[in-house]
Protein backbone atom coordinates (compact mmCIF):
# COMPACT_ATOMS: atom_id res chain seq x y z
CA MET A 1 34.27 100.32 -59.02
CA ILE A 2 31.44 98.13 -60.25
CA ASP A 3 31.07 95.08 -62.47
CA THR A 4 28.53 96.63 -64.84
CA ILE A 5 28.59 99.70 -67.06
CA ILE A 6 25.49 101.84 -66.54
CA GLU A 7 25.50 104.87 -68.83
CA GLY A 8 22.19 106.40 -69.85
CA LYS A 9 20.10 103.61 -71.36
CA ASP A 10 23.13 101.33 -71.75
CA ILE A 11 23.59 98.54 -69.19
CA ILE A 12 26.54 96.31 -70.05
CA GLY A 13 27.89 93.36 -68.04
CA PHE A 14 29.91 91.66 -70.77
CA SER A 15 32.75 92.80 -72.99
CA PRO A 16 34.44 91.24 -76.03
CA TRP A 17 36.92 89.76 -73.51
CA GLY A 18 34.30 88.16 -71.25
CA LYS A 19 32.32 89.04 -68.13
CA ILE A 20 33.34 92.37 -66.64
CA ASP A 21 35.06 92.07 -63.26
CA ARG A 22 35.56 95.79 -62.78
CA ALA A 23 34.21 98.84 -64.62
CA THR A 24 35.63 102.27 -63.83
CA ARG A 25 33.97 105.38 -65.23
CA ARG A 26 36.73 107.67 -66.47
CA LEU A 27 34.53 110.35 -68.07
CA GLU A 28 30.89 110.54 -69.06
CA GLY A 29 30.55 107.85 -71.70
CA VAL A 30 34.13 106.54 -71.25
CA TRP A 31 34.67 103.44 -69.10
CA PHE A 32 37.68 101.20 -68.52
CA VAL A 33 36.75 97.55 -67.99
CA SER A 34 38.74 94.60 -66.69
CA THR A 35 37.95 90.91 -67.13
CA PRO A 36 39.78 87.86 -65.76
CA SER A 37 41.93 87.80 -68.89
CA HIS A 38 41.92 91.25 -70.49
CA GLY A 39 40.29 94.66 -70.71
CA GLY A 40 39.98 97.99 -72.42
CA PHE A 41 37.76 101.01 -72.94
CA TRP A 42 34.06 101.10 -73.72
CA LEU A 43 32.69 104.26 -75.37
CA SER A 44 29.08 105.43 -75.46
CA LYS A 45 27.53 106.25 -78.83
CA ASP A 46 28.21 109.98 -78.34
CA ARG A 47 31.84 109.31 -77.41
CA GLN A 48 32.22 106.97 -80.40
CA VAL A 49 31.17 109.83 -82.67
CA GLU A 50 33.51 112.25 -80.89
CA TYR A 51 36.43 109.81 -81.09
CA GLY A 52 35.63 108.56 -84.57
CA GLY A 53 35.82 104.90 -83.61
CA GLY A 54 33.93 101.90 -82.30
CA GLU A 55 32.43 100.81 -79.02
CA TRP A 56 35.27 98.63 -77.56
CA HIS A 57 39.01 99.40 -77.53
CA GLU A 58 41.43 96.67 -76.42
CA GLU A 59 43.92 97.63 -73.69
CA ASP A 60 47.14 96.67 -75.52
CA CYS A 61 46.53 98.35 -78.88
CA GLU A 62 43.64 100.80 -79.00
CA ALA A 63 43.23 101.90 -75.37
CA PRO A 64 46.35 104.12 -75.35
CA LYS A 65 44.98 105.99 -78.39
CA VAL A 66 41.59 106.45 -76.73
CA ALA A 67 43.24 107.58 -73.49
CA LYS A 68 45.40 110.12 -75.27
CA PHE A 69 42.44 111.48 -77.23
CA PHE A 70 40.42 112.05 -74.04
CA GLY A 71 43.41 113.14 -71.91
CA LEU A 72 43.40 110.05 -69.65
CA THR A 73 45.87 107.43 -68.49
CA PRO A 74 45.42 104.18 -70.48
CA ASP A 75 44.58 102.04 -67.45
CA PRO A 76 43.12 103.42 -64.18
CA ARG A 77 45.02 100.75 -62.22
CA ASN A 78 48.29 102.52 -63.12
């Protein structure tokens, strides 16, 4: 686990919920991030097109939908 998303040309250390404490790559272009207060999924541009949604997906509302779509558990800590 790392504190930065590095996927292709994308290098991301911050999320909508603050500085990333932990980033776990779940699939190519699909990362789960945790911050001190919250977390969720980040999707690459290709995965956004595949999913039909945006870049960030909050863990309480959108992350379960993203996880189900890609056949993952909502949170890698569980």
